[in-house]
């Protein structure tokens, strides 16, 4: 008996941790409009900035703040270009700012939205 194969390809996962100020929606819209990326999502999370200038007691961490984590799954061949695009759209490395990193995702299945699906507003 032959096991059917699943269509797919090697991918990268680009993760962006950013302030909870609505900029995650701007990134998702830019990815969709300029790079035709629809395999992305935004999740609420807590973040602690090691670059924060807030005063803390020795041995203690700063209080976490509400943040957004955007995950973008892209084909391996396009990952570096899209990573640079995301970095250009954000402000990485600033205190209380954005962190962008890229990791291997061993396998992903590409898909397309059917015709007639309305854009989000």
Protein backbone atom coordinates (compact mmCIF):
# COMPACT_ATOMS: atom_id res chain seq x y z
CA UNK A 1 0.00 0.00 0.00
CA UNK A 2 1.38 3.39 -0.98
CA UNK A 3 0.96 6.27 1.46
CA UNK A 4 -0.16 9.48 -0.30
CA UNK A 5 2.28 12.36 -0.11
CA UNK A 6 1.35 15.73 1.29
CA UNK A 7 2.26 18.76 -0.84
CA UNK A 8 4.67 21.04 0.94
CA UNK A 9 8.07 22.66 1.10
CA UNK A 10 10.85 23.76 3.46
CA UNK A 11 9.93 26.97 5.25
CA UNK A 12 11.13 29.57 7.71
CA UNK A 13 9.20 31.03 10.61
CA UNK A 14 9.68 34.77 11.08
CA UNK A 15 8.58 35.93 14.54
CA UNK A 16 8.05 39.55 15.54
CA UNK A 17 7.46 40.61 19.15
CA UNK A 18 6.18 44.17 19.28
CA UNK A 19 4.28 46.61 21.50
CA UNK A 20 0.52 46.17 21.74
CA UNK A 21 -0.22 49.43 19.91
CA UNK A 22 -1.87 48.19 16.72
CA UNK A 23 1.34 48.03 14.71
CA UNK A 24 0.88 44.25 14.37
CA UNK A 25 -2.13 44.90 12.13
CA UNK A 26 -0.05 47.27 9.99
CA UNK A 27 2.59 44.53 9.53
CA UNK A 28 -0.03 41.92 8.60
CA UNK A 29 -1.60 44.33 6.09
CA UNK A 30 1.78 45.24 4.56
CA UNK A 31 2.68 41.55 4.22
CA UNK A 32 -0.61 40.83 2.49
CA UNK A 33 -0.59 43.90 0.24
CA UNK A 34 3.10 43.97 -0.76
CA UNK A 35 4.26 40.35 -0.45
CA UNK A 36 0.98 38.42 -0.92
CA UNK A 37 1.51 36.64 2.43
CA UNK A 38 -1.61 35.18 4.00
CA UNK A 39 0.05 32.63 6.33
CA UNK A 40 0.55 34.96 9.28
CA UNK A 41 -1.12 35.61 12.60
CA UNK A 42 -0.91 37.87 15.64
CA UNK A 43 -1.22 36.66 19.23
CA UNK A 44 -1.35 38.52 22.51
CA UNK A 45 1.54 37.83 24.92
CA UNK A 46 3.56 39.35 27.75
CA UNK A 47 7.06 40.70 27.11
CA UNK A 48 9.87 42.00 29.28
CA UNK A 49 12.47 44.32 27.79
CA UNK A 50 16.05 43.84 28.96
CA UNK A 51 16.82 47.26 27.42
CA UNK A 52 14.24 49.02 29.58
CA UNK A 53 15.47 52.02 31.53
CA UNK A 54 12.99 51.37 34.35
CA UNK A 55 14.57 51.03 37.78
CA UNK A 56 14.33 47.53 39.24
CA UNK A 57 15.68 45.83 42.33
CA UNK A 58 18.80 43.68 41.90
CA UNK A 59 17.93 40.10 40.98
CA UNK A 60 14.44 41.03 39.78
CA UNK A 61 13.01 41.34 36.28
CA UNK A 62 11.04 44.37 35.07
CA UNK A 63 7.27 44.01 35.10
CA UNK A 64 6.05 42.38 31.88
CA UNK A 65 3.92 44.44 29.52
CA UNK A 66 1.23 43.38 27.10
CA UNK A 67 2.69 42.79 23.63
CA UNK A 68 1.84 41.16 20.30
CA UNK A 69 3.68 38.25 18.71
CA UNK A 70 3.33 38.02 14.94
CA UNK A 71 4.27 34.70 13.30
CA UNK A 72 4.87 34.57 9.54
CA UNK A 73 5.43 31.28 7.74
CA UNK A 74 7.30 31.74 4.44
CA UNK A 75 8.96 29.49 1.85
CA UNK A 76 12.68 29.00 2.48
CA UNK A 77 13.60 30.65 -0.83
CA UNK A 78 11.76 33.90 0.07
CA UNK A 79 12.65 34.07 3.78
CA UNK A 80 15.61 36.47 3.67
CA UNK A 81 13.78 38.98 1.45
CA UNK A 82 10.68 38.92 3.64
CA UNK A 83 12.80 39.14 6.82
CA UNK A 84 14.41 42.33 5.48
CA UNK A 85 10.97 43.66 4.50
CA UNK A 86 9.65 43.06 8.03
CA UNK A 87 12.71 44.75 9.57
CA UNK A 88 12.20 47.75 7.29
CA UNK A 89 8.54 47.97 8.38
CA UNK A 90 9.33 47.79 12.11
CA UNK A 91 11.74 49.47 14.50
CA UNK A 92 13.80 46.57 15.92
CA UNK A 93 16.30 47.05 18.73
CA UNK A 94 14.70 50.08 20.40
CA UNK A 95 14.00 50.04 24.14
CA UNK A 96 10.45 48.78 24.66
CA UNK A 97 10.48 48.22 20.89
CA UNK A 98 10.36 45.33 18.47
CA UNK A 99 12.34 42.10 18.21
CA UNK A 100 12.46 40.16 14.93
CA UNK A 101 13.97 36.69 14.53
CA UNK A 102 13.87 33.84 12.02
CA UNK A 103 13.98 30.09 12.64
CA UNK A 104 13.70 26.93 10.57
CA UNK A 105 10.28 25.38 10.10
CA UNK A 106 10.87 21.91 8.71
CA UNK A 107 7.75 21.68 6.56
CA UNK A 108 4.75 23.75 5.56
CA UNK A 109 1.85 23.33 3.20
CA UNK A 110 1.10 26.38 1.03
CA UNK A 111 -2.51 27.34 0.48
CA UNK A 112 -4.49 30.07 -1.23
CA UNK A 113 -7.74 31.72 -0.28
CA UNK A 114 -10.60 30.96 -2.65
CA UNK A 115 -11.83 33.66 -5.01
CA UNK A 116 -14.40 36.04 -3.56
CA UNK A 117 -13.20 36.05 0.04
CA UNK A 118 -13.46 39.68 1.20
CA UNK A 119 -10.47 41.53 2.66
CA UNK A 120 -10.47 42.29 6.36
CA UNK A 121 -11.31 45.85 7.30
